[in-house]
Amino acid sequence: MPAPRENSLNDVRAIVPAVCYERSRLRATRALVQATVLYAVPTVALVMTNTWWAVGVWWLLAGLAVSGLFVLGHDASHNALLDSRKANRIIAQICMGPSVHVESAWDLGHNRIHHGYTTRQGFDFVWQPLTVADYEALTGMQKLRHRLEWSCLGSGAYFLREVWWLKMWRFNAPGKRHDAIVRDKITLSSVLLVAIAGTVVLGAFSGGLATAIWMPIKVLVVPFLLFTQIIGWTVYVHHVAPDIRWWTRKEWTQFNGQMESTTVLHTPRIINYLWFHNIFVHVPHHVDARIPFHKLPLAAAAIAEAFPDTVRYSKYSLKEYLQATKTCKLYDFEAATWLPYPTSSR
């Protein structure tokens, strides 16, 4: 009979208070209304103004608003927002609309693969580092792309290509998930075409051909690109840092991946309240994705009390982020250490 594991994820889940699983329709509704208003205001403002400095401000707020809706859609996709699975799915699809995410494809890639195999070599595709051998096997252009995507400014480019395009829009899921993903792609594409057509018409009425072309770019495309930068960075800081470990297939366990390879990151309260809905309280979310966003701090406190030497806490620091992007380029899975690029590599 095999010996029981010393550290089991089920043991961690057992110490999470039952109250942490209680979903609140009121809290969910309030958050959804707030996120909708925060998205509607900059979107309308972008339609109505062309003053360069005002457009820049509204772009930033729109990018954050798309991110806020996406975070709530992410919660609903985990069936953590409301008790009804059907309502969660509908809300997830709607909230992921402005970020052009196919919810059923996200469910497969994020909910099943990323959460099922967090930081496991060869399984978790999100910000999984290359080894030196992997990097040396790349072509010159691929090496340049890697250097861009793993730079301090590259999170958007990485998320856009690796997650949004390759693992969602381009990926054709086999088996029973295939038809659901295709249906969602068709539905979302149709809605997107209507939104683009609507903004083109608005632009044409307000300023002619040039404005008709500029309007969908200003109102839809730029906020989406800012969203990819924000969410790409968000996922990066959850799972990449000099002291965050990635695991070989043999060494990986659910406990290692969910407890030791993510973090609880303290961010400014107003930013967390308006847009991020405790997503940076990431350890309990990985311990059990069924915990709703408003219960994550309570769950984190209980887990940290029981495993004080395991839970990683940090406060967001631009200096530490820049250090991480400088240090964390490649990975030696056997030595469990981050490496810089080879000095001889071009």
Protein backbone atom coordinates (compact mmCIF):
# COMPACT_ATOMS: atom_id res chain seq x y z
CA MET A 1 0.00 0.00 0.00
CA PRO A 2 1.56 3.35 -1.00
CA ALA A 3 2.41 5.81 1.75
CA PRO A 4 0.17 8.89 1.95
CA ARG A 5 1.56 12.05 0.44
CA GLU A 6 3.03 14.51 2.90
CA ASN A 7 1.56 17.48 1.05
CA SER A 8 -1.75 16.99 -0.68
CA LEU A 9 -3.87 19.65 -2.31
CA ASN A 10 -6.92 18.02 -0.74
CA ASP A 11 -5.41 18.76 2.67
CA VAL A 12 -5.15 22.43 1.70
CA ARG A 13 -8.73 22.51 0.45
CA ALA A 14 -9.88 20.93 3.70
CA ILE A 15 -8.71 23.93 5.75
CA VAL A 16 -10.49 26.49 3.54
CA PRO A 17 -13.52 27.66 5.58
CA ALA A 18 -16.87 26.56 4.16
CA VAL A 19 -18.01 30.19 4.05
CA CYS A 20 -15.42 30.78 1.31
CA TYR A 21 -17.56 28.78 -1.10
CA GLU A 22 -20.70 30.83 -0.53
CA ARG A 23 -21.51 32.77 -3.69
CA SER A 24 -23.35 36.04 -3.41
CA ARG A 25 -25.79 37.11 -6.14
CA LEU A 26 -25.68 40.64 -4.74
CA ARG A 27 -21.87 40.86 -4.84
CA ALA A 28 -21.79 39.37 -8.32
CA THR A 29 -24.49 41.73 -9.61
CA ARG A 30 -22.79 44.76 -8.10
CA ALA A 31 -19.45 43.80 -9.63
CA LEU A 32 -21.02 43.17 -13.05
CA VAL A 33 -22.88 46.50 -13.03
CA GLN A 34 -19.72 48.29 -11.95
CA ALA A 35 -17.64 46.62 -14.67
CA THR A 36 -20.28 47.42 -17.30
CA VAL A 37 -20.40 51.09 -16.34
CA LEU A 38 -16.62 51.33 -16.26
CA TYR A 39 -16.55 49.89 -19.78
CA ALA A 40 -19.46 51.93 -21.18
CA VAL A 41 -18.17 55.32 -20.04
CA PRO A 42 -14.75 55.26 -21.80
CA THR A 43 -16.28 53.54 -24.84
CA VAL A 44 -18.85 56.31 -25.30
CA ALA A 45 -16.17 58.92 -24.58
CA LEU A 46 -13.95 57.44 -27.30
CA VAL A 47 -16.80 57.66 -29.79
CA MET A 48 -17.35 61.32 -28.95
CA THR A 49 -13.83 62.75 -28.71
CA ASN A 50 -10.71 63.01 -30.86
CA THR A 51 -8.63 65.26 -28.59
CA TRP A 52 -5.30 63.42 -28.49
CA TRP A 53 -4.64 63.61 -24.75
CA ALA A 54 -8.25 62.71 -23.88
CA VAL A 55 -8.16 59.75 -26.26
CA GLY A 56 -5.03 58.51 -24.49
CA VAL A 57 -6.70 58.68 -21.07
CA TRP A 58 -9.88 56.99 -22.32
CA TRP A 59 -7.82 54.27 -24.02
CA LEU A 60 -6.15 53.41 -20.73
CA LEU A 61 -9.47 53.35 -18.89
CA ALA A 62 -11.06 51.28 -21.67
CA GLY A 63 -8.19 48.77 -21.59
CA LEU A 64 -8.58 48.42 -17.83
CA ALA A 65 -12.36 48.09 -18.24
CA VAL A 66 -12.02 45.29 -20.79
CA SER A 67 -9.67 43.60 -18.30
CA GLY A 68 -12.18 44.04 -15.46
CA LEU A 69 -14.97 42.46 -17.49
CA PHE A 70 -12.63 39.65 -18.48
CA VAL A 71 -11.70 38.92 -14.86
CA LEU A 72 -15.38 38.55 -13.95
CA GLY A 73 -15.94 36.41 -17.05
CA HIS A 74 -12.98 34.30 -15.96
CA ASP A 75 -14.63 33.83 -12.56
CA ALA A 76 -17.92 32.86 -14.20
CA SER A 77 -16.12 30.45 -16.54
CA HIS A 78 -14.85 28.68 -13.41
CA ASN A 79 -18.50 28.51 -12.19
CA ALA A 80 -17.44 30.59 -9.20
CA LEU A 81 -19.54 33.70 -9.75
CA LEU A 82 -23.08 32.35 -9.35
CA ASP A 83 -24.67 29.03 -8.37
CA SER A 84 -26.21 28.42 -11.80
CA ARG A 85 -23.86 26.84 -14.35
CA LYS A 86 -26.00 28.12 -17.21
CA ALA A 87 -25.98 31.69 -15.87
CA ASN A 88 -22.21 31.49 -15.31
CA ARG A 89 -21.64 30.42 -18.91
CA ILE A 90 -23.82 33.18 -20.34
CA ILE A 91 -22.12 35.80 -18.18
CA ALA A 92 -18.69 34.45 -19.10
CA GLN A 93 -19.48 34.69 -22.81
CA ILE A 94 -20.78 38.26 -22.49
CA CYS A 95 -17.96 39.50 -20.26
CA MET A 96 -15.33 37.95 -22.53
CA GLY A 97 -16.87 39.59 -25.61
CA PRO A 98 -14.92 42.90 -25.49
CA SER A 99 -11.67 40.93 -25.12
CA VAL A 100 -12.70 38.70 -28.07
CA HIS A 101 -12.27 35.46 -26.12
CA VAL A 102 -14.04 32.24 -27.05
CA GLU A 103 -15.29 31.06 -23.66
CA SER A 104 -15.45 27.35 -24.48
CA ALA A 105 -11.87 27.44 -25.81
CA TRP A 106 -10.79 29.39 -22.72
CA ASP A 107 -12.45 26.76 -20.56
CA LEU A 108 -10.32 24.05 -22.18
CA GLY A 109 -7.02 25.92 -22.27
CA HIS A 110 -7.21 27.84 -19.00
CA ASN A 111 -9.59 25.96 -16.71
CA ARG A 112 -8.56 22.43 -17.68
CA ILE A 113 -4.93 22.66 -18.81
CA HIS A 114 -3.43 25.68 -17.04
CA HIS A 115 -5.21 24.99 -13.74
CA GLY A 116 -4.87 21.24 -14.08
CA TYR A 117 -1.11 21.29 -14.68
CA THR A 118 0.12 24.65 -13.37
CA THR A 119 3.87 25.14 -14.01
CA ARG A 120 4.37 21.54 -15.14
CA GLN A 121 6.91 21.14 -17.93
CA GLY A 122 5.35 20.17 -21.22
CA PHE A 123 1.77 20.68 -20.00
CA ASP A 124 1.12 24.23 -18.78
CA PHE A 125 1.56 26.38 -21.89
CA VAL A 126 1.11 29.78 -20.19
CA TRP A 127 4.48 31.51 -19.79
CA GLN A 128 6.21 28.13 -19.79
CA PRO A 129 9.95 28.87 -20.12
CA LEU A 130 12.24 27.33 -22.71
CA THR A 131 15.37 25.44 -21.79
CA VAL A 132 18.74 26.50 -23.22
CA ALA A 133 18.50 23.63 -25.73
CA ASP A 134 14.99 24.71 -26.74
CA TYR A 135 16.17 28.26 -27.27
CA GLU A 136 19.25 27.27 -29.27
CA ALA A 137 17.04 25.22 -31.60
CA LEU A 138 15.05 28.34 -32.58
CA THR A 139 15.68 30.23 -35.79
CA GLY A 140 17.12 33.72 -35.63
CA MET A 141 13.69 35.34 -36.03
CA GLN A 142 12.19 33.08 -33.38
CA LYS A 143 14.95 34.07 -30.96
CA LEU A 144 14.23 37.74 -31.60
CA ARG A 145 10.53 37.12 -31.00
CA HIS A 146 11.30 35.32 -27.74
CA ARG A 147 13.47 38.20 -26.58
CA LEU A 148 10.65 40.64 -27.32
CA GLU A 149 7.92 38.58 -25.65
CA TRP A 150 9.99 37.91 -22.52
CA SER A 151 11.08 41.54 -22.17
CA CYS A 152 9.54 44.00 -19.73
CA LEU A 153 7.26 45.32 -22.50
CA GLY A 154 6.47 42.04 -24.23
CA SER A 155 3.62 40.58 -22.20
CA GLY A 156 0.97 41.80 -24.63
CA ALA A 157 2.74 40.39 -27.66
CA TYR A 158 3.19 37.07 -25.84
CA PHE A 159 -0.43 36.81 -24.71
CA LEU A 160 -1.77 37.88 -28.11
CA ARG A 161 0.20 35.25 -30.02
CA GLU A 162 0.67 32.35 -27.63
CA VAL A 163 -2.62 32.37 -25.70
CA TRP A 164 -5.23 34.32 -27.66
CA TRP A 165 -4.28 33.28 -31.18
CA LEU A 166 -2.52 29.90 -31.01
CA LYS A 167 -4.36 28.33 -28.08
CA MET A 168 -7.82 29.71 -28.77
CA TRP A 169 -8.63 31.04 -32.21
CA ARG A 170 -6.28 28.87 -34.26
CA PHE A 171 -6.54 25.74 -32.12
CA ASN A 172 -9.03 23.09 -33.27
CA ALA A 173 -10.05 21.02 -30.26
CA PRO A 174 -10.59 17.31 -30.86
CA GLY A 175 -13.53 15.25 -29.65
CA LYS A 176 -16.69 16.49 -28.01
CA ARG A 177 -15.37 20.02 -27.38
CA HIS A 178 -14.87 20.73 -31.07
CA ASP A 179 -18.46 21.59 -31.96
CA ALA A 180 -19.00 23.81 -28.91
CA ILE A 181 -15.85 25.79 -29.64
CA VAL A 182 -16.76 26.21 -33.31
CA ARG A 183 -20.24 27.44 -32.35
CA ASP A 184 -18.76 29.96 -29.92
CA LYS A 185 -16.29 31.16 -32.55
CA ILE A 186 -19.07 31.73 -35.04
CA THR A 187 -21.24 33.54 -32.48
CA LEU A 188 -18.43 35.76 -31.24
CA SER A 189 -17.23 36.52 -34.76
CA SER A 190 -20.76 37.56 -35.73
CA VAL A 191 -21.06 39.88 -32.74
CA LEU A 192 -17.64 41.34 -33.49
CA LEU A 193 -18.59 42.02 -37.11
CA VAL A 194 -21.75 43.81 -35.98
CA ALA A 195 -19.72 45.91 -33.50
CA ILE A 196 -17.18 46.83 -36.19
CA ALA A 197 -19.93 47.69 -38.66
CA GLY A 198 -21.64 49.84 -36.04
CA THR A 199 -18.51 51.84 -35.29
CA VAL A 200 -17.78 52.23 -39.01
CA VAL A 201 -21.26 53.67 -39.55
CA LEU A 202 -20.83 56.03 -36.59
CA GLY A 203 -17.54 57.18 -38.01
CA ALA A 204 -18.97 57.67 -41.48
CA PHE A 205 -21.80 59.83 -40.18
CA SER A 206 -19.53 61.93 -38.01
CA GLY A 207 -16.60 62.54 -40.33
CA GLY A 208 -16.41 60.64 -43.59
CA LEU A 209 -14.18 57.80 -44.83
CA ALA A 210 -11.11 58.48 -42.69
CA THR A 211 -13.19 58.68 -39.51
CA ALA A 212 -15.11 55.54 -40.54
CA ILE A 213 -11.80 53.63 -40.68
CA TRP A 214 -10.43 55.24 -37.50
CA MET A 215 -13.53 54.72 -35.34
CA PRO A 216 -13.35 50.89 -34.91
CA ILE A 217 -9.59 51.13 -34.36
CA LYS A 218 -10.04 53.80 -31.70
CA VAL A 219 -13.04 52.24 -29.93
CA LEU A 220 -12.42 48.49 -30.29
CA VAL A 221 -8.92 47.58 -31.44
CA VAL A 222 -6.71 49.76 -29.22
CA PRO A 223 -8.59 48.88 -25.97
CA PHE A 224 -8.28 45.21 -26.94
CA LEU A 225 -4.53 45.51 -27.48
CA LEU A 226 -4.15 47.31 -24.14
CA PHE A 227 -6.13 44.48 -22.55
CA THR A 228 -3.67 41.89 -23.92
CA GLN A 229 -0.81 43.89 -22.41
CA ILE A 230 -2.54 44.12 -19.02
CA ILE A 231 -3.65 40.49 -18.84
CA GLY A 232 -0.38 39.16 -20.25
CA TRP A 233 1.45 41.05 -17.50
CA THR A 234 -1.07 39.83 -14.92
CA VAL A 235 -0.49 36.17 -15.77
CA TYR A 236 3.26 36.74 -15.90
CA VAL A 237 3.51 38.11 -12.36
CA HIS A 238 1.30 35.26 -11.12
CA HIS A 239 3.70 32.56 -12.27
CA VAL A 240 7.10 34.04 -13.19
CA ALA A 241 9.66 35.39 -10.72
CA PRO A 242 13.22 34.44 -9.77
CA ASP A 243 11.93 32.52 -6.73
CA ILE A 244 8.93 30.88 -8.44
CA ARG A 245 9.74 27.36 -9.54
CA TRP A 246 8.64 25.39 -12.59
CA TRP A 247 8.62 21.60 -12.33
CA THR A 248 9.68 18.59 -14.35
CA ARG A 249 6.95 16.12 -15.21
CA LYS A 250 8.30 13.67 -12.63
CA GLU A 251 8.63 16.14 -9.74
CA TRP A 252 5.38 18.01 -10.31
CA THR A 253 2.45 17.48 -7.98
CA GLN A 254 -0.79 19.40 -7.66
CA PHE A 255 0.44 20.78 -4.34
CA ASN A 256 3.69 22.00 -5.92
CA GLY A 257 1.99 23.63 -8.86
CA GLN A 258 -0.88 25.30 -7.06
CA MET A 259 0.80 26.22 -3.77
CA GLU A 260 4.46 26.83 -4.56
CA SER A 261 4.35 28.21 -8.09
CA THR A 262 2.03 31.16 -7.75
CA THR A 263 1.68 34.12 -5.43
CA VAL A 264 -0.48 36.52 -3.46
CA LEU A 265 0.44 39.92 -4.85
CA HIS A 266 -0.61 43.07 -3.02
CA THR A 267 -1.74 45.79 -5.44
CA PRO A 268 -3.22 49.26 -4.79
CA ARG A 269 -6.68 48.85 -3.28
CA ILE A 270 -8.48 51.18 -5.66
CA ILE A 271 -7.12 49.35 -8.72
CA ASN A 272 -8.02 45.99 -7.24
CA TYR A 273 -11.53 47.18 -6.32
CA LEU A 274 -12.35 48.84 -9.62
CA TRP A 275 -10.94 46.37 -12.11
CA PHE A 276 -9.13 43.29 -10.79
CA HIS A 277 -11.56 41.78 -8.26
CA ASN A 278 -8.89 40.03 -6.14
CA ILE A 279 -7.39 38.13 -9.09
CA PHE A 280 -3.92 38.84 -7.65
CA VAL A 281 -4.88 36.86 -4.53
CA HIS A 282 -3.91 33.96 -6.71
CA VAL A 283 -2.90 31.09 -4.43
CA PRO A 284 -6.42 30.26 -3.17
CA HIS A 285 -7.75 30.62 -6.71
CA HIS A 286 -5.37 27.87 -7.78
CA VAL A 287 -6.05 25.77 -4.71
CA ASP A 288 -9.74 25.73 -5.63
CA ALA A 289 -11.09 27.74 -8.56
CA ARG A 290 -14.64 27.39 -7.20
CA ILE A 291 -13.93 30.08 -4.58
CA PRO A 292 -15.68 33.32 -5.68
CA PHE A 293 -13.58 36.45 -6.08
CA HIS A 294 -14.91 38.19 -2.97
CA LYS A 295 -13.90 35.25 -0.75
CA LEU A 296 -10.32 34.89 -1.98
CA PRO A 297 -8.71 37.08 0.75
CA LEU A 298 -10.41 35.05 3.50
CA ALA A 299 -9.33 31.79 1.89
CA ALA A 300 -5.78 33.11 1.45
CA ALA A 301 -5.55 33.99 5.14
CA ALA A 302 -6.66 30.49 6.17
CA ILE A 303 -4.22 28.81 3.78
CA ALA A 304 -1.32 31.05 4.83
CA GLU A 305 -2.02 30.33 8.50
CA ALA A 306 -1.85 26.59 7.87
CA PHE A 307 1.10 26.74 5.45
CA PRO A 308 3.08 29.85 6.47
CA ASP A 309 6.32 28.65 4.90
CA THR A 310 4.73 27.78 1.57
CA VAL A 311 2.44 30.63 0.55
CA ARG A 312 4.34 33.31 -1.32
CA TYR A 313 3.35 36.90 -0.50
CA SER A 314 4.76 39.94 -2.25
CA LYS A 315 3.94 43.58 -2.86
CA TYR A 316 3.91 44.83 -6.42
CA SER A 317 7.13 46.62 -7.23
CA LEU A 318 8.15 47.92 -10.64
CA LYS A 319 11.78 47.37 -9.67
CA GLU A 320 11.14 43.70 -8.86
CA TYR A 321 9.16 43.23 -12.05
CA LEU A 322 12.01 44.66 -14.13
CA GLN A 323 14.44 42.42 -12.27
CA ALA A 324 12.26 39.40 -13.01
CA THR A 325 12.10 40.19 -16.73
CA LYS A 326 15.88 40.57 -16.73
CA THR A 327 16.55 37.35 -14.80
CA CYS A 328 13.80 35.00 -16.02
CA LYS A 329 14.61 34.25 -19.65
CA LEU A 330 15.24 30.49 -19.85
CA TYR A 331 14.93 27.67 -17.32
CA ASP A 332 16.96 24.70 -16.15
CA PHE A 333 14.27 22.25 -15.00
CA GLU A 334 16.76 19.81 -13.47
CA ALA A 335 18.52 22.48 -11.38
CA ALA A 336 15.22 24.32 -10.84
CA THR A 337 16.71 27.70 -11.65
CA TRP A 338 16.12 30.57 -14.05
CA LEU A 339 18.84 31.40 -16.55
CA PRO A 340 19.80 34.37 -18.75
CA TYR A 341 20.19 34.03 -22.50
CA PRO A 342 23.40 32.31 -23.62
CA THR A 343 26.06 34.96 -24.22
CA SER A 344 27.13 33.28 -27.44
CA SER A 345 23.62 33.28 -28.90
CA ARG A 346 22.61 35.73 -31.59
